[in-house]
Amino acid sequence: MIPLAPLFIQIKENLERLSEVLLRERSALATATPDDILQLASEKKSLLDAIDSANAKRQSMLIKFGVLHPKQPDDKQFFDWLDQQDNMEDVKLLIAECDELLNECKQANQTNARVLSTLQRRNKALFEMLQGHNRKNKVYTSNGNTKPVSSKHTIGRA
């Protein structure tokens, strides 16, 4: 019997922690605390690395036991093999839980990305305002691009 349950338990625990980190990241984005955001990004990276590592171990284990083809390992081969196994209901349940957690994490991460994008646009607009730029007032550069006009160089200030 292939010891897959411990790997999927590890993946599930990491996905649960990732979900918690994503929730904390969302509140850090709401309060706009850069140090917290950077620290949470580091936590996310280490959790994702741990999940990737466990998945690589799973794949190499399945290759070793002949479940996956060594040159072209495919998860479809694994799921076909798993469907034929009667005594691995615990692994099937863990995989279903991991898939559900992964989808929740993806959705939370996409939400955080949208919040971050909105914050970046807002900060850029505020920065341009502080510099005296107006997004609507743009001029063409020598290579055909456009750039905002600074209030320091407008005709009204000449």
C-alpha atoms as a PDB file:
ATOM      1  CA  MET A   1       0.000   0.000   0.000  1.00  0.00           C
ATOM      2  CA  ILE A   2       1.291   3.425  -0.946  1.00  0.00           C
ATOM      3  CA  PRO A   3       1.466   5.840   2.045  1.00  0.00           C
ATOM      4  CA  LEU A   4      -0.375   8.749   0.417  1.00  0.00           C
ATOM      5  CA  ALA A   5      -2.567   9.767   3.367  1.00  0.00           C
ATOM      6  CA  PRO A   6       0.253  11.497   5.337  1.00  0.00           C
ATOM      7  CA  LEU A   7       1.168  13.603   2.284  1.00  0.00           C
ATOM      8  CA  PHE A   8      -2.414  14.667   1.686  1.00  0.00           C
ATOM      9  CA  ILE A   9      -2.851  15.436   5.394  1.00  0.00           C
ATOM     10  CA  GLN A  10       0.223  17.677   5.174  1.00  0.00           C
ATOM     11  CA  ILE A  11      -1.143  19.369   2.038  1.00  0.00           C
ATOM     12  CA  LYS A  12      -4.543  19.853   3.707  1.00  0.00           C
ATOM     13  CA  GLU A  13      -2.960  21.422   6.807  1.00  0.00           C
ATOM     14  CA  ASN A  14      -0.891  23.773   4.636  1.00  0.00           C
ATOM     15  CA  LEU A  15      -3.978  24.749   2.634  1.00  0.00           C
ATOM     16  CA  GLU A  16      -5.859  25.490   5.870  1.00  0.00           C
ATOM     17  CA  ARG A  17      -2.990  27.697   7.047  1.00  0.00           C
ATOM     18  CA  LEU A  18      -2.861  29.362   3.629  1.00  0.00           C
ATOM     19  CA  SER A  19      -6.556  30.148   3.897  1.00  0.00           C
ATOM     20  CA  GLU A  20      -5.943  31.800   7.281  1.00  0.00           C
ATOM     21  CA  VAL A  21      -3.009  33.788   5.882  1.00  0.00           C
ATOM     22  CA  LEU A  22      -5.165  34.992   2.987  1.00  0.00           C
ATOM     23  CA  LEU A  23      -7.819  36.206   5.423  1.00  0.00           C
ATOM     24  CA  ARG A  24      -5.174  38.045   7.453  1.00  0.00           C
ATOM     25  CA  GLU A  25      -3.766  39.473   4.218  1.00  0.00           C
ATOM     26  CA  ARG A  26      -7.169  40.866   3.290  1.00  0.00           C
ATOM     27  CA  SER A  27      -7.484  42.670   6.608  1.00  0.00           C
ATOM     28  CA  ALA A  28      -3.893  43.932   6.250  1.00  0.00           C
ATOM     29  CA  LEU A  29      -4.787  45.277   2.807  1.00  0.00           C
ATOM     30  CA  ALA A  30      -7.813  46.999   4.313  1.00  0.00           C
ATOM     31  CA  THR A  31      -5.648  48.753   6.885  1.00  0.00           C
ATOM     32  CA  ALA A  32      -2.842  49.312   4.349  1.00  0.00           C
ATOM     33  CA  THR A  33      -0.028  48.173   6.623  1.00  0.00           C
ATOM     34  CA  PRO A  34       2.906  47.423   4.307  1.00  0.00           C
ATOM     35  CA  ASP A  35       5.022  45.553   6.874  1.00  0.00           C
ATOM     36  CA  ASP A  36       2.177  43.141   7.617  1.00  0.00           C
ATOM     37  CA  ILE A  37       1.488  42.675   3.904  1.00  0.00           C
ATOM     38  CA  LEU A  38       5.137  41.814   3.208  1.00  0.00           C
ATOM     39  CA  GLN A  39       5.281  39.412   6.151  1.00  0.00           C
ATOM     40  CA  LEU A  40       2.081  37.683   5.000  1.00  0.00           C
ATOM     41  CA  ALA A  41       3.402  37.427   1.443  1.00  0.00           C
ATOM     42  CA  SER A  42       6.458  35.667   2.846  1.00  0.00           C
ATOM     43  CA  GLU A  43       4.223  33.271   4.795  1.00  0.00           C
ATOM     44  CA  LYS A  44       2.194  32.589   1.651  1.00  0.00           C
ATOM     45  CA  LYS A  45       5.346  31.781  -0.294  1.00  0.00           C
ATOM     46  CA  SER A  46       6.645  29.355   2.323  1.00  0.00           C
ATOM     47  CA  LEU A  47       3.272  27.584   2.533  1.00  0.00           C
ATOM     48  CA  LEU A  48       3.051  27.302  -1.249  1.00  0.00           C
ATOM     49  CA  ASP A  49       6.609  25.948  -1.344  1.00  0.00           C
ATOM     50  CA  ALA A  50       5.660  23.328   1.262  1.00  0.00           C
ATOM     51  CA  ILE A  51       2.598  22.322  -0.771  1.00  0.00           C
ATOM     52  CA  ASP A  52       4.712  22.061  -3.934  1.00  0.00           C
ATOM     53  CA  SER A  53       7.269  19.968  -2.091  1.00  0.00           C
ATOM     54  CA  ALA A  54       4.623  17.563  -0.766  1.00  0.00           C
ATOM     55  CA  ASN A  55       3.122  17.302  -4.240  1.00  0.00           C
ATOM     56  CA  ALA A  56       6.562  16.517  -5.721  1.00  0.00           C
ATOM     57  CA  LYS A  57       7.032  13.798  -3.084  1.00  0.00           C
ATOM     58  CA  ARG A  58       3.619  12.383  -3.996  1.00  0.00           C
ATOM     59  CA  GLN A  59       4.498  12.357  -7.662  1.00  0.00           C
ATOM     60  CA  SER A  60       7.883  10.700  -7.145  1.00  0.00           C
ATOM     61  CA  MET A  61       6.290   8.120  -4.847  1.00  0.00           C
ATOM     62  CA  LEU A  62       3.651   7.296  -7.457  1.00  0.00           C
ATOM     63  CA  ILE A  63       6.346   6.970 -10.125  1.00  0.00           C
ATOM     64  CA  LYS A  64       8.347   4.686  -7.828  1.00  0.00           C
ATOM     65  CA  PHE A  65       5.341   2.402  -7.282  1.00  0.00           C
ATOM     66  CA  GLY A  66       4.513   2.360 -10.996  1.00  0.00           C
ATOM     67  CA  VAL A  67       1.266   4.302 -10.814  1.00  0.00           C
ATOM     68  CA  LEU A  68       2.551   7.177 -12.957  1.00  0.00           C
ATOM     69  CA  HIS A  69       4.620   6.998 -16.108  1.00  0.00           C
ATOM     70  CA  PRO A  70       8.161   8.261 -15.292  1.00  0.00           C
ATOM     71  CA  LYS A  71       8.588  10.354 -18.433  1.00  0.00           C
ATOM     72  CA  GLN A  72       5.075  11.785 -18.612  1.00  0.00           C
ATOM     73  CA  PRO A  73       3.489  11.777 -15.158  1.00  0.00           C
ATOM     74  CA  ASP A  74      -0.140  12.805 -15.368  1.00  0.00           C
ATOM     75  CA  ASP A  75      -2.676  13.291 -12.570  1.00  0.00           C
ATOM     76  CA  LYS A  76      -5.312  11.623 -14.750  1.00  0.00           C
ATOM     77  CA  GLN A  77      -3.320   8.388 -14.449  1.00  0.00           C
ATOM     78  CA  PHE A  78      -3.310   8.814 -10.674  1.00  0.00           C
ATOM     79  CA  PHE A  79      -7.062   9.463 -10.469  1.00  0.00           C
ATOM     80  CA  ASP A  80      -7.823   6.513 -12.757  1.00  0.00           C
ATOM     81  CA  TRP A  81      -5.670   4.308 -10.518  1.00  0.00           C
ATOM     82  CA  LEU A  82      -7.267   5.729  -7.367  1.00  0.00           C
ATOM     83  CA  ASP A  83     -10.781   5.034  -8.670  1.00  0.00           C
ATOM     84  CA  GLN A  84      -9.846   1.360  -8.952  1.00  0.00           C
ATOM     85  CA  GLN A  85      -8.663   1.172  -5.318  1.00  0.00           C
ATOM     86  CA  ASP A  86     -11.303   0.017  -2.844  1.00  0.00           C
ATOM     87  CA  ASN A  87      -9.258   0.441   0.336  1.00  0.00           C
ATOM     88  CA  MET A  88      -8.252   4.106  -0.089  1.00  0.00           C
ATOM     89  CA  GLU A  89     -11.443   5.918   0.861  1.00  0.00           C
ATOM     90  CA  ASP A  90      -9.510   8.043   3.363  1.00  0.00           C
ATOM     91  CA  VAL A  91      -7.214   9.307   0.591  1.00  0.00           C
ATOM     92  CA  LYS A  92     -10.183  10.005  -1.693  1.00  0.00           C
ATOM     93  CA  LEU A  93     -11.822  12.030   1.093  1.00  0.00           C
ATOM     94  CA  LEU A  94      -8.585  13.947   1.761  1.00  0.00           C
ATOM     95  CA  ILE A  95      -8.232  14.756  -1.946  1.00  0.00           C
ATOM     96  CA  ALA A  96     -11.804  16.088  -2.052  1.00  0.00           C
ATOM     97  CA  GLU A  97     -11.135  18.250   1.030  1.00  0.00           C
ATOM     98  CA  CYS A  98      -7.868  19.515  -0.475  1.00  0.00           C
ATOM     99  CA  ASP A  99      -9.632  20.416  -3.739  1.00  0.00           C
ATOM    100  CA  GLU A 100     -12.294  22.349  -1.834  1.00  0.00           C
ATOM    101  CA  LEU A 101      -9.680  24.184   0.248  1.00  0.00           C
ATOM    102  CA  LEU A 102      -7.621  24.929  -2.865  1.00  0.00           C
ATOM    103  CA  ASN A 103     -10.639  26.491  -4.585  1.00  0.00           C
ATOM    104  CA  GLU A 104     -11.353  28.606  -1.497  1.00  0.00           C
ATOM    105  CA  CYS A 105      -7.710  29.756  -1.411  1.00  0.00           C
ATOM    106  CA  LYS A 106      -7.764  30.627  -5.116  1.00  0.00           C
ATOM    107  CA  GLN A 107     -10.935  32.670  -4.675  1.00  0.00           C
ATOM    108  CA  ALA A 108      -9.535  34.477  -1.595  1.00  0.00           C
ATOM    109  CA  ASN A 109      -6.274  35.190  -3.421  1.00  0.00           C
ATOM    110  CA  GLN A 110      -8.145  36.611  -6.431  1.00  0.00           C
ATOM    111  CA  THR A 111     -10.190  38.813  -4.106  1.00  0.00           C
ATOM    112  CA  ASN A 112      -7.004  40.060  -2.437  1.00  0.00           C
ATOM    113  CA  ALA A 113      -5.473  40.732  -5.862  1.00  0.00           C
ATOM    114  CA  ARG A 114      -8.487  42.864  -6.824  1.00  0.00           C
ATOM    115  CA  VAL A 115      -8.257  44.789  -3.533  1.00  0.00           C
ATOM    116  CA  LEU A 116      -4.529  45.309  -4.079  1.00  0.00           C
ATOM    117  CA  SER A 117      -5.101  46.490  -7.653  1.00  0.00           C
ATOM    118  CA  THR A 118      -7.700  48.997  -6.467  1.00  0.00           C
ATOM    119  CA  LEU A 119      -5.329  50.267  -3.778  1.00  0.00           C
ATOM    120  CA  GLN A 120      -2.522  50.649  -6.316  1.00  0.00           C
ATOM    121  CA  ARG A 121      -4.727  52.654  -8.699  1.00  0.00           C
ATOM    122  CA  ARG A 122      -5.907  54.864  -5.848  1.00  0.00           C
ATOM    123  CA  ASN A 123      -2.369  55.448  -4.585  1.00  0.00           C
ATOM    124  CA  LYS A 124      -1.149  56.231  -8.106  1.00  0.00           C
ATOM    125  CA  ALA A 125      -3.939  58.774  -8.571  1.00  0.00           C
ATOM    126  CA  LEU A 126      -3.156  60.372  -5.203  1.00  0.00           C
ATOM    127  CA  PHE A 127       0.565  60.472  -6.024  1.00  0.00           C
ATOM    128  CA  GLU A 128      -0.137  62.130  -9.380  1.00  0.00           C
ATOM    129  CA  MET A 129      -2.347  64.636  -7.618  1.00  0.00           C
ATOM    130  CA  LEU A 130       0.433  65.453  -5.169  1.00  0.00           C
ATOM    131  CA  GLN A 131       2.845  65.925  -8.059  1.00  0.00           C
ATOM    132  CA  GLY A 132       0.408  68.222  -9.795  1.00  0.00           C
ATOM    133  CA  HIS A 133      -0.351  65.809 -12.622  1.00  0.00           C
ATOM    134  CA  ASN A 134      -3.767  65.389 -14.067  1.00  0.00           C
ATOM    135  CA  ARG A 135      -4.450  62.140 -15.883  1.00  0.00           C
ATOM    136  CA  LYS A 136      -6.672  63.935 -18.359  1.00  0.00           C
ATOM    137  CA  ASN A 137      -3.965  66.394 -19.398  1.00  0.00           C
ATOM    138  CA  LYS A 138      -1.419  64.452 -21.405  1.00  0.00           C
ATOM    139  CA  VAL A 139       1.038  65.357 -24.122  1.00  0.00           C
ATOM    140  CA  TYR A 140       2.764  63.286 -26.787  1.00  0.00           C
ATOM    141  CA  THR A 141       6.425  62.481 -26.378  1.00  0.00           C
ATOM    142  CA  SER A 142       8.953  62.350 -29.221  1.00  0.00           C
ATOM    143  CA  ASN A 143       8.436  58.591 -29.632  1.00  0.00           C
ATOM    144  CA  GLY A 144       4.633  58.852 -29.831  1.00  0.00           C
ATOM    145  CA  ASN A 145       3.734  57.830 -26.278  1.00  0.00           C
ATOM    146  CA  THR A 146       1.757  60.007 -23.925  1.00  0.00           C
ATOM    147  CA  LYS A 147       2.713  61.321 -20.530  1.00  0.00           C
ATOM    148  CA  PRO A 148       0.908  63.468 -17.988  1.00  0.00           C
ATOM    149  CA  VAL A 149       1.570  67.183 -17.953  1.00  0.00           C
ATOM    150  CA  SER A 150       3.012  68.494 -14.730  1.00  0.00           C
ATOM    151  CA  SER A 151       1.415  71.630 -13.340  1.00  0.00           C
ATOM    152  CA  LYS A 152       4.897  73.116 -13.141  1.00  0.00           C
ATOM    153  CA  HIS A 153       5.133  73.130 -16.929  1.00  0.00           C
ATOM    154  CA  THR A 154       1.673  74.218 -17.965  1.00  0.00           C
ATOM    155  CA  ILE A 155       1.083  77.376 -19.970  1.00  0.00           C
ATOM    156  CA  GLY A 156      -0.897  78.913 -17.104  1.00  0.00           C
ATOM    157  CA  ARG A 157       2.161  78.799 -14.866  1.00  0.00           C
ATOM    158  CA  ALA A 158       4.575  80.229 -17.419  1.00  0.00           C
END
